[in-house]
């Protein structure tokens, strides 16, 4: 269980912040929260996610165009296990993990839910941007039998086509590393870090089984899934280590990175006092 578990966050409710409209109407409380640093940072995290998704859509179109024709790369798992068409099953498993994560965050909704969601946005964006680099720099023949063998394809970077590649469910050439495995693994890391109970085991089973099916269904080579299990946890733990231990990293970070964590993480008024780097003021503005 991570430092920011529900038990810890329960001690930091809005009633401890001055000027909170404790006896106000529901909409007065909502309006008050919209002006806090926590909500503003959530919006900024979503903006980072939005930009990374646009870049991802462009990269998906480019790698679809640049993917080489067969022969395919030798893959030990593909040689041993016959092709299993399980794309729909994998998509359902990804949806199950995401829905479970959101249910834990919104039932009941607390301020810590917005902090966790903000971090999920940023970590997912960082991972996808790294994936955009790797899959664009090196293009591999796609092992999926559903991908066309020829590359007779015209690059179209229109907003409609970007949305099609992002949400249309059909991409080819985006191999190193596995986006499907990211979708399975990230909700599991969130549940494991912030919550407790048997649900953690259930999420890990869902992730492992789904990741194996990603290879069996020829959506990826085995190395794509293996790399994902190294890259995403590394980004996850580095981000949380810096966020949760500011004294250990404050003097070691480059100025832009230090500015980001100072503005996005260390000054949040809902974090424990020992993890904040700024003083709370009556108007909730970091100084």
C-alpha atoms as a PDB file:
ATOM      1  CA  UNK A   1       0.000   0.000   0.000  1.00  0.00           C
ATOM      2  CA  UNK A   2       1.420   3.364  -0.988  1.00  0.00           C
ATOM      3  CA  UNK A   3       1.987   6.399   1.187  1.00  0.00           C
ATOM      4  CA  UNK A   4      -1.124   8.076  -0.207  1.00  0.00           C
ATOM      5  CA  UNK A   5      -3.560   5.362   0.809  1.00  0.00           C
ATOM      6  CA  UNK A   6      -7.173   6.162   1.586  1.00  0.00           C
ATOM      7  CA  UNK A   7      -6.394   5.964   5.313  1.00  0.00           C
ATOM      8  CA  UNK A   8      -3.818   8.741   4.962  1.00  0.00           C
ATOM      9  CA  UNK A   9      -5.936  10.947   2.727  1.00  0.00           C
ATOM     10  CA  UNK A  10      -8.931  10.657   5.032  1.00  0.00           C
ATOM     11  CA  UNK A  11      -6.991  12.879   7.454  1.00  0.00           C
ATOM     12  CA  UNK A  12      -6.826  15.688   4.908  1.00  0.00           C
ATOM     13  CA  UNK A  13     -10.365  16.652   4.073  1.00  0.00           C
ATOM     14  CA  UNK A  14     -11.507  20.105   2.902  1.00  0.00           C
ATOM     15  CA  UNK A  15     -12.805  20.948   6.393  1.00  0.00           C
ATOM     16  CA  UNK A  16      -9.182  21.470   7.482  1.00  0.00           C
ATOM     17  CA  UNK A  17      -8.588  24.183   4.895  1.00  0.00           C
ATOM     18  CA  UNK A  18      -9.541  27.702   5.934  1.00  0.00           C
ATOM     19  CA  UNK A  19     -12.426  29.415   4.192  1.00  0.00           C
ATOM     20  CA  UNK A  20     -13.967  26.148   3.091  1.00  0.00           C
ATOM     21  CA  UNK A  21     -17.772  26.692   2.993  1.00  0.00           C
ATOM     22  CA  UNK A  22     -18.496  23.957   5.500  1.00  0.00           C
ATOM     23  CA  UNK A  23     -22.130  24.995   5.917  1.00  0.00           C
ATOM     24  CA  UNK A  24     -22.589  26.241   2.368  1.00  0.00           C
ATOM     25  CA  UNK A  25     -24.659  24.700  -0.380  1.00  0.00           C
ATOM     26  CA  UNK A  26     -23.393  21.887  -2.585  1.00  0.00           C
ATOM     27  CA  UNK A  27     -22.694  24.257  -5.465  1.00  0.00           C
ATOM     28  CA  UNK A  28     -20.800  26.649  -3.194  1.00  0.00           C
ATOM     29  CA  UNK A  29     -18.527  23.791  -2.205  1.00  0.00           C
ATOM     30  CA  UNK A  30     -18.078  22.734  -5.834  1.00  0.00           C
ATOM     31  CA  UNK A  31     -17.256  26.311  -6.845  1.00  0.00           C
ATOM     32  CA  UNK A  32     -14.729  26.529  -4.010  1.00  0.00           C
ATOM     33  CA  UNK A  33     -13.023  23.317  -5.124  1.00  0.00           C
ATOM     34  CA  UNK A  34     -12.777  24.478  -8.749  1.00  0.00           C
ATOM     35  CA  UNK A  35     -10.551  27.329  -7.531  1.00  0.00           C
ATOM     36  CA  UNK A  36      -8.129  25.131  -5.603  1.00  0.00           C
ATOM     37  CA  UNK A  37      -4.658  24.121  -6.752  1.00  0.00           C
ATOM     38  CA  UNK A  38      -5.738  20.466  -6.739  1.00  0.00           C
ATOM     39  CA  UNK A  39      -8.381  20.989  -9.420  1.00  0.00           C
ATOM     40  CA  UNK A  40      -6.202  23.317 -11.486  1.00  0.00           C
ATOM     41  CA  UNK A  41      -3.436  20.725 -11.510  1.00  0.00           C
ATOM     42  CA  UNK A  42      -5.941  18.055 -12.575  1.00  0.00           C
ATOM     43  CA  UNK A  43      -6.881  20.220 -15.553  1.00  0.00           C
ATOM     44  CA  UNK A  44      -3.207  20.700 -16.385  1.00  0.00           C
ATOM     45  CA  UNK A  45      -2.655  16.933 -16.146  1.00  0.00           C
ATOM     46  CA  UNK A  46      -5.542  16.381 -18.557  1.00  0.00           C
ATOM     47  CA  UNK A  47      -4.007  18.938 -20.937  1.00  0.00           C
ATOM     48  CA  UNK A  48      -0.758  16.950 -20.887  1.00  0.00           C
ATOM     49  CA  UNK A  49      -2.766  13.805 -21.660  1.00  0.00           C
ATOM     50  CA  UNK A  50      -4.608  15.537 -24.509  1.00  0.00           C
ATOM     51  CA  UNK A  51      -1.379  16.718 -26.158  1.00  0.00           C
ATOM     52  CA  UNK A  52       0.250  13.297 -25.794  1.00  0.00           C
ATOM     53  CA  UNK A  53      -2.779  11.625 -27.392  1.00  0.00           C
ATOM     54  CA  UNK A  54      -2.596  13.923 -30.415  1.00  0.00           C
ATOM     55  CA  UNK A  55       1.104  13.134 -30.838  1.00  0.00           C
ATOM     56  CA  UNK A  56       0.352   9.438 -30.392  1.00  0.00           C
ATOM     57  CA  UNK A  57      -2.298   9.564 -33.123  1.00  0.00           C
ATOM     58  CA  UNK A  58       0.182  11.175 -35.515  1.00  0.00           C
ATOM     59  CA  UNK A  59       2.835   8.572 -34.694  1.00  0.00           C
ATOM     60  CA  UNK A  60       0.352   5.725 -35.245  1.00  0.00           C
ATOM     61  CA  UNK A  61      -0.336   7.018 -38.743  1.00  0.00           C
ATOM     62  CA  UNK A  62       3.374   7.398 -39.506  1.00  0.00           C
ATOM     63  CA  UNK A  63       4.354   3.913 -38.311  1.00  0.00           C
ATOM     64  CA  UNK A  64       1.435   2.387 -40.213  1.00  0.00           C
ATOM     65  CA  UNK A  65       2.893   3.947 -43.339  1.00  0.00           C
ATOM     66  CA  UNK A  66       6.513   3.040 -42.554  1.00  0.00           C
ATOM     67  CA  UNK A  67       6.034  -0.551 -41.383  1.00  0.00           C
ATOM     68  CA  UNK A  68       8.074  -2.975 -43.494  1.00  0.00           C
ATOM     69  CA  UNK A  69       6.626  -5.960 -45.292  1.00  0.00           C
ATOM     70  CA  UNK A  70       7.237  -9.538 -44.100  1.00  0.00           C
ATOM     71  CA  UNK A  71       9.190 -11.697 -43.410  1.00  0.00           C
ATOM     72  CA  UNK A  72       8.330 -11.441 -39.743  1.00  0.00           C
ATOM     73  CA  UNK A  73      10.869 -11.461 -36.949  1.00  0.00           C
ATOM     74  CA  UNK A  74      11.528 -14.814 -35.257  1.00  0.00           C
ATOM     75  CA  UNK A  75       9.674 -14.963 -31.936  1.00  0.00           C
ATOM     76  CA  UNK A  76       9.983 -17.927 -29.614  1.00  0.00           C
ATOM     77  CA  UNK A  77       6.456 -17.589 -28.228  1.00  0.00           C
ATOM     78  CA  UNK A  78       4.944 -17.305 -31.696  1.00  0.00           C
ATOM     79  CA  UNK A  79       6.822 -20.430 -32.741  1.00  0.00           C
ATOM     80  CA  UNK A  80       5.581 -22.462 -29.776  1.00  0.00           C
ATOM     81  CA  UNK A  81       2.003 -21.203 -29.361  1.00  0.00           C
ATOM     82  CA  UNK A  82      -0.434 -21.211 -32.310  1.00  0.00           C
ATOM     83  CA  UNK A  83      -2.310 -18.069 -33.256  1.00  0.00           C
ATOM     84  CA  UNK A  84      -5.218 -17.331 -30.910  1.00  0.00           C
ATOM     85  CA  UNK A  85      -7.666 -14.621 -32.087  1.00  0.00           C
ATOM     86  CA  UNK A  86      -8.355 -12.949 -28.740  1.00  0.00           C
ATOM     87  CA  UNK A  87      -8.388  -9.239 -29.587  1.00  0.00           C
ATOM     88  CA  UNK A  88     -11.927  -8.717 -28.295  1.00  0.00           C
ATOM     89  CA  UNK A  89     -11.121 -10.575 -25.078  1.00  0.00           C
ATOM     90  CA  UNK A  90      -8.070  -8.360 -24.523  1.00  0.00           C
ATOM     91  CA  UNK A  91     -10.101  -5.200 -25.093  1.00  0.00           C
ATOM     92  CA  UNK A  92     -12.659  -6.412 -22.550  1.00  0.00           C
ATOM     93  CA  UNK A  93      -9.900  -7.127 -20.027  1.00  0.00           C
ATOM     94  CA  UNK A  94      -8.435  -3.646 -20.523  1.00  0.00           C
ATOM     95  CA  UNK A  95     -11.904  -2.151 -20.062  1.00  0.00           C
ATOM     96  CA  UNK A  96     -12.441  -4.242 -16.922  1.00  0.00           C
ATOM     97  CA  UNK A  97      -9.222  -2.960 -15.369  1.00  0.00           C
ATOM     98  CA  UNK A  98      -9.988   0.658 -16.237  1.00  0.00           C
ATOM     99  CA  UNK A  99     -13.573   0.454 -14.951  1.00  0.00           C
ATOM    100  CA  UNK A 100     -12.400  -1.141 -11.694  1.00  0.00           C
ATOM    101  CA  UNK A 101      -9.853   1.620 -11.193  1.00  0.00           C
ATOM    102  CA  UNK A 102     -12.405   4.395 -11.795  1.00  0.00           C
ATOM    103  CA  UNK A 103     -14.946   2.758  -9.486  1.00  0.00           C
ATOM    104  CA  UNK A 104     -12.381   2.717  -6.705  1.00  0.00           C
ATOM    105  CA  UNK A 105     -11.589   6.358  -7.362  1.00  0.00           C
ATOM    106  CA  UNK A 106     -15.159   7.670  -7.486  1.00  0.00           C
ATOM    107  CA  UNK A 107     -16.835   5.483  -4.838  1.00  0.00           C
ATOM    108  CA  UNK A 108     -16.739   7.400  -2.620  1.00  0.00           C
ATOM    109  CA  UNK A 109     -15.231  10.444  -4.305  1.00  0.00           C
ATOM    110  CA  UNK A 110     -12.623  12.258  -2.212  1.00  0.00           C
ATOM    111  CA  UNK A 111     -10.054  14.887  -3.036  1.00  0.00           C
ATOM    112  CA  UNK A 112      -7.381  12.197  -3.188  1.00  0.00           C
ATOM    113  CA  UNK A 113      -9.258  10.718  -6.151  1.00  0.00           C
ATOM    114  CA  UNK A 114      -8.414  13.808  -8.197  1.00  0.00           C
ATOM    115  CA  UNK A 115      -4.760  13.617  -7.152  1.00  0.00           C
ATOM    116  CA  UNK A 116      -4.509   9.962  -8.175  1.00  0.00           C
ATOM    117  CA  UNK A 117      -6.265  10.658 -11.462  1.00  0.00           C
ATOM    118  CA  UNK A 118      -3.917  13.551 -12.191  1.00  0.00           C
ATOM    119  CA  UNK A 119      -0.903  11.331 -11.649  1.00  0.00           C
ATOM    120  CA  UNK A 120      -2.406   8.607 -13.826  1.00  0.00           C
ATOM    121  CA  UNK A 121      -2.836  11.143 -16.654  1.00  0.00           C
ATOM    122  CA  UNK A 122       0.769  12.308 -16.450  1.00  0.00           C
ATOM    123  CA  UNK A 123       2.366   8.875 -16.046  1.00  0.00           C
ATOM    124  CA  UNK A 124       0.328   7.475 -18.927  1.00  0.00           C
ATOM    125  CA  UNK A 125       1.351  10.457 -21.064  1.00  0.00           C
ATOM    126  CA  UNK A 126       5.047  10.042 -20.244  1.00  0.00           C
ATOM    127  CA  UNK A 127       4.913   6.342 -21.051  1.00  0.00           C
ATOM    128  CA  UNK A 128       3.098   6.896 -24.329  1.00  0.00           C
ATOM    129  CA  UNK A 129       5.527   9.626 -25.381  1.00  0.00           C
ATOM    130  CA  UNK A 130       8.429   7.265 -24.775  1.00  0.00           C
ATOM    131  CA  UNK A 131       6.562   4.614 -26.774  1.00  0.00           C
ATOM    132  CA  UNK A 132       6.013   7.107 -29.585  1.00  0.00           C
ATOM    133  CA  UNK A 133       9.774   7.555 -29.833  1.00  0.00           C
ATOM    134  CA  UNK A 134      10.652   3.861 -29.818  1.00  0.00           C
ATOM    135  CA  UNK A 135       7.988   2.718 -32.281  1.00  0.00           C
ATOM    136  CA  UNK A 136       8.724   5.582 -34.684  1.00  0.00           C
ATOM    137  CA  UNK A 137      12.511   5.310 -34.666  1.00  0.00           C
ATOM    138  CA  UNK A 138      12.559   1.554 -35.343  1.00  0.00           C
ATOM    139  CA  UNK A 139       9.886   0.043 -37.601  1.00  0.00           C
ATOM    140  CA  UNK A 140       9.209  -3.686 -37.505  1.00  0.00           C
ATOM    141  CA  UNK A 141       6.974  -5.967 -39.586  1.00  0.00           C
ATOM    142  CA  UNK A 142       3.699  -6.428 -37.738  1.00  0.00           C
ATOM    143  CA  UNK A 143       3.003 -10.068 -36.759  1.00  0.00           C
ATOM    144  CA  UNK A 144      -0.778  -9.615 -36.710  1.00  0.00           C
ATOM    145  CA  UNK A 145      -2.470 -11.584 -39.532  1.00  0.00           C
ATOM    146  CA  UNK A 146      -5.141  -8.869 -39.710  1.00  0.00           C
ATOM    147  CA  UNK A 147      -2.647  -6.253 -40.907  1.00  0.00           C
ATOM    148  CA  UNK A 148      -2.396  -5.759 -44.676  1.00  0.00           C
ATOM    149  CA  UNK A 149       0.818  -7.172 -46.128  1.00  0.00           C
ATOM    150  CA  UNK A 150       1.408  -4.223 -48.442  1.00  0.00           C
ATOM    151  CA  UNK A 151       2.091  -0.647 -47.414  1.00  0.00           C
ATOM    152  CA  UNK A 152      -0.080   1.018 -50.050  1.00  0.00           C
ATOM    153  CA  UNK A 153      -1.095   3.778 -47.691  1.00  0.00           C
ATOM    154  CA  UNK A 154      -1.184   7.564 -47.896  1.00  0.00           C
ATOM    155  CA  UNK A 155      -0.334   9.579 -44.823  1.00  0.00           C
ATOM    156  CA  UNK A 156      -3.366  11.602 -43.767  1.00  0.00           C
ATOM    157  CA  UNK A 157      -2.859  13.718 -40.650  1.00  0.00           C
ATOM    158  CA  UNK A 158      -6.351  15.188 -40.594  1.00  0.00           C
ATOM    159  CA  UNK A 159      -8.100  15.350 -37.185  1.00  0.00           C
ATOM    160  CA  UNK A 160     -10.641  12.779 -38.379  1.00  0.00           C
ATOM    161  CA  UNK A 161      -7.939  10.276 -39.298  1.00  0.00           C
ATOM    162  CA  UNK A 162      -6.018  10.877 -36.063  1.00  0.00           C
ATOM    163  CA  UNK A 163      -9.176  10.104 -34.079  1.00  0.00           C
ATOM    164  CA  UNK A 164      -9.733   7.007 -36.218  1.00  0.00           C
ATOM    165  CA  UNK A 165      -6.294   5.644 -35.399  1.00  0.00           C
ATOM    166  CA  UNK A 166      -6.621   6.525 -31.715  1.00  0.00           C
ATOM    167  CA  UNK A 167     -10.068   5.086 -31.119  1.00  0.00           C
ATOM    168  CA  UNK A 168     -10.850   3.000 -34.194  1.00  0.00           C
ATOM    169  CA  UNK A 169      -9.221  -0.099 -32.748  1.00  0.00           C
ATOM    170  CA  UNK A 170      -7.131  -0.918 -35.843  1.00  0.00           C
ATOM    171  CA  UNK A 171      -3.427  -0.062 -35.950  1.00  0.00           C
ATOM    172  CA  UNK A 172      -0.392  -1.768 -37.440  1.00  0.00           C
ATOM    173  CA  UNK A 173       3.332  -1.275 -36.952  1.00  0.00           C
ATOM    174  CA  UNK A 174       3.108   0.250 -33.444  1.00  0.00           C
ATOM    175  CA  UNK A 175       5.148  -2.501 -31.847  1.00  0.00           C
ATOM    176  CA  UNK A 176       7.959  -1.405 -29.541  1.00  0.00           C
ATOM    177  CA  UNK A 177       6.454  -1.418 -27.006  1.00  0.00           C
ATOM    178  CA  UNK A 178       2.958  -2.705 -26.192  1.00  0.00           C
ATOM    179  CA  UNK A 179       0.192  -0.142 -25.739  1.00  0.00           C
ATOM    180  CA  UNK A 180      -2.268  -2.912 -24.851  1.00  0.00           C
ATOM    181  CA  UNK A 181      -0.031  -3.966 -21.966  1.00  0.00           C
ATOM    182  CA  UNK A 182       0.139  -0.359 -20.750  1.00  0.00           C
ATOM    183  CA  UNK A 183      -3.662  -0.335 -20.631  1.00  0.00           C
ATOM    184  CA  UNK A 184      -3.616  -3.518 -18.557  1.00  0.00           C
ATOM    185  CA  UNK A 185      -0.734  -2.644 -16.238  1.00  0.00           C
ATOM    186  CA  UNK A 186      -1.366   1.002 -15.303  1.00  0.00           C
ATOM    187  CA  UNK A 187      -4.733   0.441 -13.512  1.00  0.00           C
ATOM    188  CA  UNK A 188      -3.110  -2.459 -11.648  1.00  0.00           C
ATOM    189  CA  UNK A 189      -0.257  -0.276 -10.399  1.00  0.00           C
ATOM    190  CA  UNK A 190      -2.780   2.346  -9.267  1.00  0.00           C
ATOM    191  CA  UNK A 191      -4.876  -0.179  -7.350  1.00  0.00           C
ATOM    192  CA  UNK A 192      -1.788  -1.737  -5.759  1.00  0.00           C
ATOM    193  CA  UNK A 193      -0.266   1.572  -4.698  1.00  0.00           C
ATOM    194  CA  UNK A 194      -3.306   3.374  -3.369  1.00  0.00           C
ATOM    195  CA  UNK A 195      -5.713   0.666  -2.222  1.00  0.00           C
ATOM    196  CA  UNK A 196      -5.721  -2.690  -0.480  1.00  0.00           C
ATOM    197  CA  UNK A 197      -7.554  -6.008  -0.448  1.00  0.00           C
ATOM    198  CA  UNK A 198      -8.094  -8.994  -2.705  1.00  0.00           C
ATOM    199  CA  UNK A 199      -8.743  -6.667  -5.646  1.00  0.00           C
ATOM    200  CA  UNK A 200      -4.958  -6.279  -6.040  1.00  0.00           C
ATOM    201  CA  UNK A 201      -4.572  -9.998  -6.770  1.00  0.00           C
ATOM    202  CA  UNK A 202      -7.530  -9.904  -9.162  1.00  0.00           C
ATOM    203  CA  UNK A 203      -6.003  -6.988 -11.050  1.00  0.00           C
ATOM    204  CA  UNK A 204      -2.627  -8.711 -11.368  1.00  0.00           C
ATOM    205  CA  UNK A 205      -4.242 -11.883 -12.688  1.00  0.00           C
ATOM    206  CA  UNK A 206      -6.150  -9.810 -15.231  1.00  0.00           C
ATOM    207  CA  UNK A 207      -2.939  -8.032 -16.263  1.00  0.00           C
ATOM    208  CA  UNK A 208      -0.789 -11.146 -16.607  1.00  0.00           C
ATOM    209  CA  UNK A 209      -3.404 -13.178 -18.474  1.00  0.00           C
ATOM    210  CA  UNK A 210      -4.192 -10.235 -20.754  1.00  0.00           C
ATOM    211  CA  UNK A 211      -0.498  -9.619 -21.490  1.00  0.00           C
ATOM    212  CA  UNK A 212       0.013 -13.276 -22.428  1.00  0.00           C
ATOM    213  CA  UNK A 213      -2.983 -13.097 -24.754  1.00  0.00           C
ATOM    214  CA  UNK A 214      -1.495  -9.991 -26.392  1.00  0.00           C
ATOM    215  CA  UNK A 215       1.385 -12.158 -27.603  1.00  0.00           C
ATOM    216  CA  UNK A 216      -0.748 -15.210 -28.378  1.00  0.00           C
ATOM    217  CA  UNK A 217      -3.065 -13.104 -30.545  1.00  0.00           C
ATOM    218  CA  UNK A 218      -0.052 -11.725 -32.475  1.00  0.00           C
ATOM    219  CA  UNK A 219      -0.796  -8.131 -31.532  1.00  0.00           C
ATOM    220  CA  UNK A 220       2.832  -7.869 -30.420  1.00  0.00           C
ATOM    221  CA  UNK A 221       6.070  -9.743 -30.259  1.00  0.00           C
ATOM    222  CA  UNK A 222       7.008 -11.150 -26.883  1.00  0.00           C
ATOM    223  CA  UNK A 223       9.732  -8.541 -26.390  1.00  0.00           C
ATOM    224  CA  UNK A 224       7.169  -5.725 -26.691  1.00  0.00           C
ATOM    225  CA  UNK A 225       5.275  -6.975 -23.647  1.00  0.00           C
ATOM    226  CA  UNK A 226       8.463  -7.666 -21.676  1.00  0.00           C
ATOM    227  CA  UNK A 227       9.760  -4.135 -22.301  1.00  0.00           C
ATOM    228  CA  UNK A 228       6.441  -2.673 -21.134  1.00  0.00           C
ATOM    229  CA  UNK A 229       6.783  -4.480 -17.795  1.00  0.00           C
ATOM    230  CA  UNK A 230      10.114  -2.698 -17.332  1.00  0.00           C
ATOM    231  CA  UNK A 231       9.357   0.766 -18.725  1.00  0.00           C
ATOM    232  CA  UNK A 232       5.982   1.550 -17.128  1.00  0.00           C
ATOM    233  CA  UNK A 233       6.894   0.454 -13.562  1.00  0.00           C
ATOM    234  CA  UNK A 234      10.151   2.430 -13.826  1.00  0.00           C
ATOM    235  CA  UNK A 235       8.305   5.600 -14.836  1.00  0.00           C
ATOM    236  CA  UNK A 236       5.670   4.912 -12.170  1.00  0.00           C
ATOM    237  CA  UNK A 237       8.129   4.465  -9.293  1.00  0.00           C
ATOM    238  CA  UNK A 238      10.438   7.296 -10.362  1.00  0.00           C
ATOM    239  CA  UNK A 239       7.492   9.699 -10.530  1.00  0.00           C
ATOM    240  CA  UNK A 240       6.116   8.622  -7.159  1.00  0.00           C
ATOM    241  CA  UNK A 241       9.543   8.596  -5.509  1.00  0.00           C
ATOM    242  CA  UNK A 242      10.102  12.223  -6.493  1.00  0.00           C
ATOM    243  CA  UNK A 243       6.547  13.198  -5.543  1.00  0.00           C
ATOM    244  CA  UNK A 244       6.637  11.480  -2.154  1.00  0.00           C
ATOM    245  CA  UNK A 245      10.219  12.316  -1.139  1.00  0.00           C
ATOM    246  CA  UNK A 246      10.865  15.935  -2.118  1.00  0.00           C
ATOM    247  CA  UNK A 247      13.757  16.355   0.330  1.00  0.00           C
ATOM    248  CA  UNK A 248      15.670  13.579  -1.415  1.00  0.00           C
ATOM    249  CA  UNK A 249      15.304  14.973  -4.937  1.00  0.00           C
ATOM    250  CA  UNK A 250      14.816  18.719  -4.588  1.00  0.00           C
ATOM    251  CA  UNK A 251      18.494  19.539  -5.152  1.00  0.00           C
ATOM    252  CA  UNK A 252      19.118  16.834  -7.763  1.00  0.00           C
ATOM    253  CA  UNK A 253      16.566  17.696 -10.440  1.00  0.00           C
ATOM    254  CA  UNK A 254      16.988  19.812 -13.540  1.00  0.00           C
ATOM    255  CA  UNK A 255      15.260  23.174 -13.249  1.00  0.00           C
ATOM    256  CA  UNK A 256      12.276  22.379 -15.555  1.00  0.00           C
ATOM    257  CA  UNK A 257      11.614  19.076 -13.785  1.00  0.00           C
ATOM    258  CA  UNK A 258      11.977  20.703 -10.382  1.00  0.00           C
ATOM    259  CA  UNK A 259       9.542  23.435 -11.428  1.00  0.00           C
ATOM    260  CA  UNK A 260       7.015  20.826 -12.557  1.00  0.00           C
ATOM    261  CA  UNK A 261       7.041  18.887  -9.279  1.00  0.00           C
ATOM    262  CA  UNK A 262       7.070  22.092  -7.232  1.00  0.00           C
ATOM    263  CA  UNK A 263       3.944  23.322  -9.013  1.00  0.00           C
ATOM    264  CA  UNK A 264       2.133  20.008  -9.554  1.00  0.00           C
ATOM    265  CA  UNK A 265       3.001  17.848  -6.564  1.00  0.00           C
ATOM    266  CA  UNK A 266       4.872  19.393  -3.672  1.00  0.00           C
ATOM    267  CA  UNK A 267       2.528  22.361  -3.177  1.00  0.00           C
ATOM    268  CA  UNK A 268      -0.789  20.505  -3.229  1.00  0.00           C
ATOM    269  CA  UNK A 269      -2.776  21.622  -0.150  1.00  0.00           C
ATOM    270  CA  UNK A 270      -4.204  18.126   0.352  1.00  0.00           C
ATOM    271  CA  UNK A 271      -0.904  16.316   0.757  1.00  0.00           C
ATOM    272  CA  UNK A 272       0.550  15.654   4.222  1.00  0.00           C
ATOM    273  CA  UNK A 273       2.455  18.659   5.585  1.00  0.00           C
ATOM    274  CA  UNK A 274       5.796  16.877   5.536  1.00  0.00           C
ATOM    275  CA  UNK A 275       5.476  16.408   1.771  1.00  0.00           C
ATOM    276  CA  UNK A 276       4.669  19.994   0.821  1.00  0.00           C
ATOM    277  CA  UNK A 277       7.355  22.473  -0.160  1.00  0.00           C
ATOM    278  CA  UNK A 278       5.268  25.636   0.133  1.00  0.00           C
ATOM    279  CA  UNK A 279       3.203  27.317   2.805  1.00  0.00           C
ATOM    280  CA  UNK A 280      -0.570  27.182   2.663  1.00  0.00           C
ATOM    281  CA  UNK A 281      -2.275  30.549   2.615  1.00  0.00           C
ATOM    282  CA  UNK A 282      -5.831  31.568   3.181  1.00  0.00           C
ATOM    283  CA  UNK A 283      -6.520  31.775  -0.534  1.00  0.00           C
ATOM    284  CA  UNK A 284      -4.859  28.388  -1.190  1.00  0.00           C
ATOM    285  CA  UNK A 285      -2.210  29.909  -3.448  1.00  0.00           C
ATOM    286  CA  UNK A 286       1.308  28.529  -3.146  1.00  0.00           C
ATOM    287  CA  UNK A 287       3.960  31.096  -2.177  1.00  0.00           C
END
